[in-house]
Amino acid sequence: MGGPGRYADRFALRVGGCVAAGLLVLAGCSAGSGGARDGASASPAASPSAGSGAASAPVPGTTGASGVPLVPELDEAKQPKDAAGARALLERISVEPEAFGPGIVRSSPFESAPDRWPVLDQDCVWQTSGLPEDVLATATRHFHLPAEGGRGRVRLTTTVTVHRDRTESGWETAHAMEEVLRCPRQVLRDGEEINNLLGASFYLGEQLNGWTEDAFNEFGEYLSEADGGPYRYVWYQAQFGPVTVAVAGKGAAGFTKQEIDALAVQGTSRLMLQAKLALAKGGV
């Protein structure tokens, strides 16, 4: 894997404006708008379990209206050199249910197999394979907000991946953008799919991204034979040095798009903060 410059192929994949601003949508744009992927905070948002109606959240990692970037300098000496070191780092970055707010609990199974990697095949169906050469370790955890009060169960997944270097973690985001364009409809597993996907990616300093080296978001509709739908589907991803963190959110009956977004933003914010604490020079 890898490539020249600032991942030049990605410029053709970018989507501008509030329609697909991803992580930025809660900061000013009107919020509108798996299986192998999602199965295999500095400024926390309000949790949907705290009440009804749309929840709002600031841009993760920025200092209010000033928009001052909060991306510290990476301490390259802290980067893992092998799989054992990467697994130790994952333990420091991965989060528990309280990172999302009240009411979130562990799902069963809680953790996916650590030696498997999601692959979107040519038919847009998610499969798993062994870890690619550039990945030292990855960890995926599953959470949910139980169904109650006439509302369905919201599913949340966190994924933290440690690459060998910053270039390879950047290419993970580039591939994610390619997958959205190639497969706007994706099968997560039998009886479960996501449709009408759109995506956007912003380097540090682009649009309102002042909190991560590279921000990526995809969003669309989640459908399940067991849970119904279509409901809101989001995937938020961020990068710091060799690490990428991501949160997938699958909506449910009775939840607004803004509520699902707020949960995913809060989880991503907390993961990114943990990554910065672990890898920045002098902490955060």
Protein backbone atom coordinates (compact mmCIF):
# COMPACT_ATOMS: atom_id res chain seq x y z
CA MET A 1 0.00 0.00 0.00
CA GLY A 2 1.02 3.64 -0.07
CA GLY A 3 1.32 6.30 -2.73
CA PRO A 4 2.88 9.61 -3.74
CA GLY A 5 2.33 13.07 -2.30
CA ARG A 6 -0.75 13.92 -0.30
CA TYR A 7 -2.70 10.90 -1.57
CA ALA A 8 -3.32 12.59 -4.93
CA ASP A 9 -5.99 10.12 -6.03
CA ARG A 10 -8.30 11.39 -3.29
CA PHE A 11 -8.84 14.85 -4.75
CA ALA A 12 -11.22 13.37 -7.31
CA LEU A 13 -13.23 11.80 -4.49
CA ARG A 14 -13.97 14.87 -2.41
CA VAL A 15 -17.51 16.12 -1.86
CA GLY A 16 -17.93 19.71 -0.70
CA GLY A 17 -20.47 21.76 1.23
CA CYS A 18 -22.95 20.98 3.97
CA VAL A 19 -24.55 18.11 2.05
CA ALA A 20 -21.71 15.78 3.00
CA ALA A 21 -19.63 17.64 5.54
CA GLY A 22 -19.53 14.60 7.78
CA LEU A 23 -18.02 15.37 11.15
CA LEU A 24 -18.69 19.05 10.48
CA VAL A 25 -22.43 18.65 10.00
CA LEU A 26 -23.24 19.11 13.68
CA ALA A 27 -21.21 22.28 13.84
CA GLY A 28 -23.36 24.39 11.56
CA CYS A 29 -24.70 22.46 8.60
CA SER A 30 -28.23 21.13 8.73
CA ALA A 31 -27.99 17.39 9.42
CA GLY A 32 -29.75 15.62 6.63
CA SER A 33 -28.96 12.86 5.32
CA GLY A 34 -21.51 -3.23 9.39
CA GLY A 35 -21.32 -6.64 8.86
CA ALA A 36 -17.68 -7.04 8.15
CA ARG A 37 -16.86 -3.36 8.37
CA ASP A 38 -18.42 -2.31 11.64
CA GLY A 39 -18.63 -5.88 12.92
CA ALA A 40 -15.24 -7.31 12.11
CA SER A 41 -14.31 13.56 23.96
CA ALA A 42 -12.85 16.81 24.30
CA SER A 43 -16.29 18.33 23.76
CA PRO A 44 -18.86 15.60 24.36
CA ALA A 45 -22.28 15.68 22.74
CA ALA A 46 -25.59 15.10 24.46
CA SER A 47 -26.71 11.48 24.59
CA PRO A 48 -30.09 10.54 23.06
CA SER A 49 -30.85 8.59 26.24
CA ALA A 50 -31.02 11.86 28.14
CA GLY A 51 -34.17 13.02 26.42
CA SER A 52 -36.06 13.30 23.16
CA GLY A 53 -35.51 15.64 20.25
CA ALA A 54 -32.40 16.52 18.28
CA ALA A 55 -29.09 16.54 20.10
CA SER A 56 -26.34 18.94 19.09
CA ALA A 57 -22.58 18.80 19.39
CA PRO A 58 -19.63 21.07 18.66
CA VAL A 59 -16.86 20.14 16.28
CA PRO A 60 -14.75 17.61 18.23
CA GLY A 61 -11.42 18.93 19.40
CA THR A 62 -11.85 22.65 18.65
CA THR A 63 -11.97 25.40 21.24
CA GLY A 64 -15.42 26.83 20.73
CA ALA A 65 -15.98 29.61 18.23
CA SER A 66 -12.26 30.34 17.87
CA GLY A 67 -11.73 27.12 15.91
CA VAL A 68 -8.15 26.84 17.20
CA PRO A 69 -6.66 23.54 15.96
CA LEU A 70 -6.11 20.99 18.69
CA VAL A 71 -3.81 18.60 16.86
CA PRO A 72 -0.62 18.27 18.91
CA GLU A 73 2.76 17.22 17.56
CA LEU A 74 3.18 13.49 17.17
CA ASP A 75 5.93 11.93 19.26
CA GLU A 76 7.36 9.44 16.78
CA ALA A 77 9.24 7.70 19.58
CA LYS A 78 5.88 6.58 20.98
CA GLN A 79 4.80 4.87 17.75
CA PRO A 80 4.64 1.07 18.09
CA LYS A 81 7.27 -0.84 16.19
CA ASP A 82 5.62 -4.26 16.33
CA ALA A 83 2.28 -6.01 16.85
CA ALA A 84 2.76 -6.38 20.61
CA GLY A 85 3.36 -2.67 21.02
CA ALA A 86 0.38 -1.89 18.81
CA ARG A 87 -1.92 -4.10 20.88
CA ALA A 88 -0.78 -2.33 24.04
CA LEU A 89 -1.58 1.01 22.40
CA LEU A 90 -5.05 -0.21 21.41
CA GLU A 91 -5.81 -0.90 25.07
CA ARG A 92 -4.98 2.72 25.91
CA ILE A 93 -7.15 4.16 23.14
CA SER A 94 -10.21 1.87 23.06
CA VAL A 95 -13.21 2.98 25.10
CA GLU A 96 -15.96 1.55 27.30
CA PRO A 97 -19.72 2.34 27.11
CA GLU A 98 -19.53 5.44 29.31
CA ALA A 99 -17.61 7.22 26.55
CA PHE A 100 -20.91 7.57 24.69
CA GLY A 101 -22.97 8.74 27.65
CA PRO A 102 -25.75 7.37 29.88
CA GLY A 103 -27.59 4.20 28.91
CA ILE A 104 -25.04 2.70 26.51
CA VAL A 105 -24.04 -0.89 27.31
CA ARG A 106 -21.73 -3.57 25.92
CA SER A 107 -23.15 -5.82 23.23
CA SER A 108 -22.51 -9.56 22.98
CA PRO A 109 -20.15 -10.42 21.44
CA PHE A 110 -18.28 -7.35 22.66
CA GLU A 111 -15.06 -7.60 20.67
CA SER A 112 -14.46 -8.85 17.14
CA ALA A 113 -11.58 -11.17 16.25
CA PRO A 114 -8.41 -9.01 16.39
CA ASP A 115 -6.71 -10.81 13.51
CA ARG A 116 -9.42 -10.15 10.92
CA TRP A 117 -9.75 -7.23 8.48
CA PRO A 118 -12.87 -6.02 6.58
CA VAL A 119 -12.78 -6.23 2.79
CA LEU A 120 -15.48 -4.94 0.44
CA ASP A 121 -15.57 -7.36 -2.47
CA GLN A 122 -16.39 -6.64 -6.11
CA ASP A 123 -20.09 -7.34 -5.47
CA CYS A 124 -20.18 -4.75 -2.67
CA VAL A 125 -20.52 -7.43 0.01
CA TRP A 126 -18.37 -7.15 3.16
CA GLN A 127 -16.04 -10.08 3.84
CA THR A 128 -13.12 -10.55 6.21
CA SER A 129 -9.52 -11.54 5.63
CA GLY A 130 -6.24 -11.52 7.53
CA LEU A 131 -4.62 -8.24 8.53
CA PRO A 132 -2.94 -6.40 5.64
CA GLU A 133 0.81 -5.90 5.79
CA ASP A 134 0.62 -2.24 6.81
CA VAL A 135 -1.63 -2.90 9.85
CA LEU A 136 0.06 -3.81 13.13
CA ALA A 137 -3.16 -4.31 15.11
CA THR A 138 -6.85 -3.44 15.12
CA ALA A 139 -9.66 -3.64 17.69
CA THR A 140 -13.42 -3.46 17.13
CA ARG A 141 -15.91 -3.20 19.99
CA HIS A 142 -19.71 -3.33 19.93
CA PHE A 143 -22.18 -1.34 22.04
CA HIS A 144 -25.88 -0.54 22.00
CA LEU A 145 -28.55 1.63 23.54
CA PRO A 146 -31.29 -0.83 24.58
CA ALA A 147 -34.78 -0.47 23.16
CA GLU A 148 -37.22 1.15 25.58
CA GLY A 149 -40.03 3.66 25.72
CA GLY A 150 -41.28 2.76 22.26
CA ARG A 151 -37.89 3.35 20.65
CA GLY A 152 -35.70 0.72 19.03
CA ARG A 153 -32.17 -0.45 19.78
CA VAL A 154 -29.33 1.76 18.52
CA ARG A 155 -26.14 -0.10 17.60
CA LEU A 156 -22.69 1.46 17.92
CA THR A 157 -19.29 0.10 16.92
CA THR A 158 -15.82 1.49 17.58
CA THR A 159 -12.74 0.54 15.58
CA VAL A 160 -9.17 1.55 16.37
CA THR A 161 -6.39 0.60 13.95
CA VAL A 162 -2.64 1.02 14.36
CA HIS A 163 -0.70 1.22 11.09
CA ARG A 164 3.06 1.11 10.65
CA ASP A 165 3.22 4.83 9.86
CA ARG A 166 1.21 7.95 9.12
CA THR A 167 1.23 7.42 5.36
CA GLU A 168 -0.54 4.08 5.65
CA SER A 169 -3.18 5.40 8.04
CA GLY A 170 -3.88 8.15 5.50
CA TRP A 171 -4.34 5.60 2.76
CA GLU A 172 -6.95 3.81 4.87
CA THR A 173 -9.09 6.94 4.59
CA ALA A 174 -8.45 7.15 0.85
CA HIS A 175 -9.68 3.59 0.38
CA ALA A 176 -12.77 4.34 2.46
CA MET A 177 -13.68 7.17 0.09
CA GLU A 178 -13.20 4.89 -2.91
CA GLU A 179 -15.50 2.28 -1.39
CA VAL A 180 -18.34 4.78 -0.97
CA LEU A 181 -18.14 5.87 -4.61
CA ARG A 182 -17.80 2.32 -5.89
CA CYS A 183 -20.55 0.87 -3.72
CA PRO A 184 -23.29 3.29 -2.60
CA ARG A 185 -25.20 0.15 -1.60
CA GLN A 186 -23.33 -2.37 0.58
CA VAL A 187 -24.32 -5.70 2.11
CA LEU A 188 -23.08 -5.99 5.69
CA ARG A 189 -24.28 -9.57 6.18
CA ASP A 190 -27.31 -11.66 5.21
CA GLY A 191 -30.42 -9.59 5.89
CA GLU A 192 -28.52 -6.41 6.67
CA GLU A 193 -27.41 -3.62 4.32
CA ILE A 194 -26.70 0.08 3.98
CA ASN A 195 -27.94 2.16 1.04
CA ASN A 196 -27.62 5.61 -0.54
CA LEU A 197 -24.15 6.19 0.90
CA LEU A 198 -22.37 9.52 0.52
CA GLY A 199 -18.96 10.42 1.88
CA ALA A 200 -16.61 13.33 2.47
CA SER A 201 -13.01 13.72 3.59
CA PHE A 202 -11.19 16.79 4.90
CA TYR A 203 -7.51 17.27 5.75
CA LEU A 204 -6.57 19.33 8.76
CA GLY A 205 -7.44 22.94 7.97
CA GLU A 206 -10.00 22.17 5.27
CA GLN A 207 -13.52 23.39 5.91
CA LEU A 208 -13.99 23.28 9.72
CA ASN A 209 -11.56 20.44 10.41
CA GLY A 210 -9.29 21.72 13.16
CA TRP A 211 -9.16 18.58 15.29
CA THR A 212 -7.70 15.70 13.25
CA GLU A 213 -5.08 15.17 10.56
CA ASP A 214 -7.74 13.68 8.32
CA ALA A 215 -11.50 13.48 8.88
CA PHE A 216 -13.80 11.15 6.97
CA ASN A 217 -17.52 10.53 7.18
CA GLU A 218 -19.98 8.39 5.28
CA PHE A 219 -23.70 8.41 5.85
CA GLY A 220 -26.78 6.75 4.41
CA GLU A 221 -29.61 4.39 5.32
CA TYR A 222 -29.47 1.20 7.36
CA LEU A 223 -31.95 -1.64 6.69
CA SER A 224 -32.28 -4.93 8.53
CA GLU A 225 -34.68 -7.85 8.28
CA ALA A 226 -34.60 -8.06 12.07
CA ASP A 227 -34.74 -4.35 12.94
CA GLY A 228 -36.59 -2.83 9.97
CA GLY A 229 -35.67 0.54 8.51
CA PRO A 230 -34.51 2.51 6.72
CA TYR A 231 -32.79 4.23 9.65
CA ARG A 232 -29.85 6.59 9.89
CA TYR A 233 -26.40 5.10 9.24
CA VAL A 234 -23.15 6.98 9.92
CA TRP A 235 -19.45 6.16 9.95
CA TYR A 236 -17.10 8.78 11.44
CA GLN A 237 -13.34 8.31 11.12
CA ALA A 238 -10.34 10.36 12.23
CA GLN A 239 -6.54 10.06 12.10
CA PHE A 240 -3.64 10.96 14.35
CA GLY A 241 -0.24 9.77 13.20
CA PRO A 242 -0.33 6.01 12.53
CA VAL A 243 -3.71 5.58 14.24
CA THR A 244 -7.21 5.75 12.82
CA VAL A 245 -10.30 5.72 15.03
CA ALA A 246 -13.86 5.25 13.84
CA VAL A 247 -17.41 4.93 15.11
CA ALA A 248 -20.33 3.42 13.20
CA GLY A 249 -23.89 4.20 14.26
CA LYS A 250 -27.01 2.32 13.18
CA GLY A 251 -30.22 4.14 13.97
CA ALA A 252 -33.53 2.73 15.15
CA ALA A 253 -37.20 3.57 15.36
CA GLY A 254 -37.88 6.75 17.31
CA PHE A 255 -34.42 8.31 16.89
CA THR A 256 -33.62 11.38 14.82
CA LYS A 257 -30.65 11.61 12.49
CA GLN A 258 -29.17 14.27 14.76
CA GLU A 259 -29.31 11.96 17.77
CA ILE A 260 -27.44 9.17 15.99
CA ASP A 261 -24.87 11.67 14.70
CA ALA A 262 -24.35 13.08 18.20
CA LEU A 263 -23.58 9.65 19.63
CA ALA A 264 -21.10 8.87 16.86
CA VAL A 265 -19.40 12.27 17.17
CA GLN A 266 -19.08 11.87 20.92
CA GLY A 267 -17.51 8.43 20.59
CA THR A 268 -15.10 9.56 17.87
CA SER A 269 -14.10 12.59 19.94
CA ARG A 270 -13.25 10.43 22.94
CA LEU A 271 -11.25 7.97 20.87
CA MET A 272 -9.29 10.76 19.22
CA LEU A 273 -8.55 12.34 22.59
CA GLN A 274 -7.24 9.00 23.85
CA ALA A 275 -5.03 8.66 20.77
CA LYS A 276 -3.56 12.12 21.31
CA LEU A 277 -2.93 11.43 24.98
CA ALA A 278 -1.07 8.26 24.05
CA LEU A 279 1.00 9.56 21.13
CA ALA A 280 1.46 13.33 21.41
CA LYS A 281 4.62 15.01 22.63
CA GLY A 282 4.05 15.98 26.23
CA GLY A 283 0.44 14.73 26.19
CA VAL A 284 -2.45 16.96 25.17
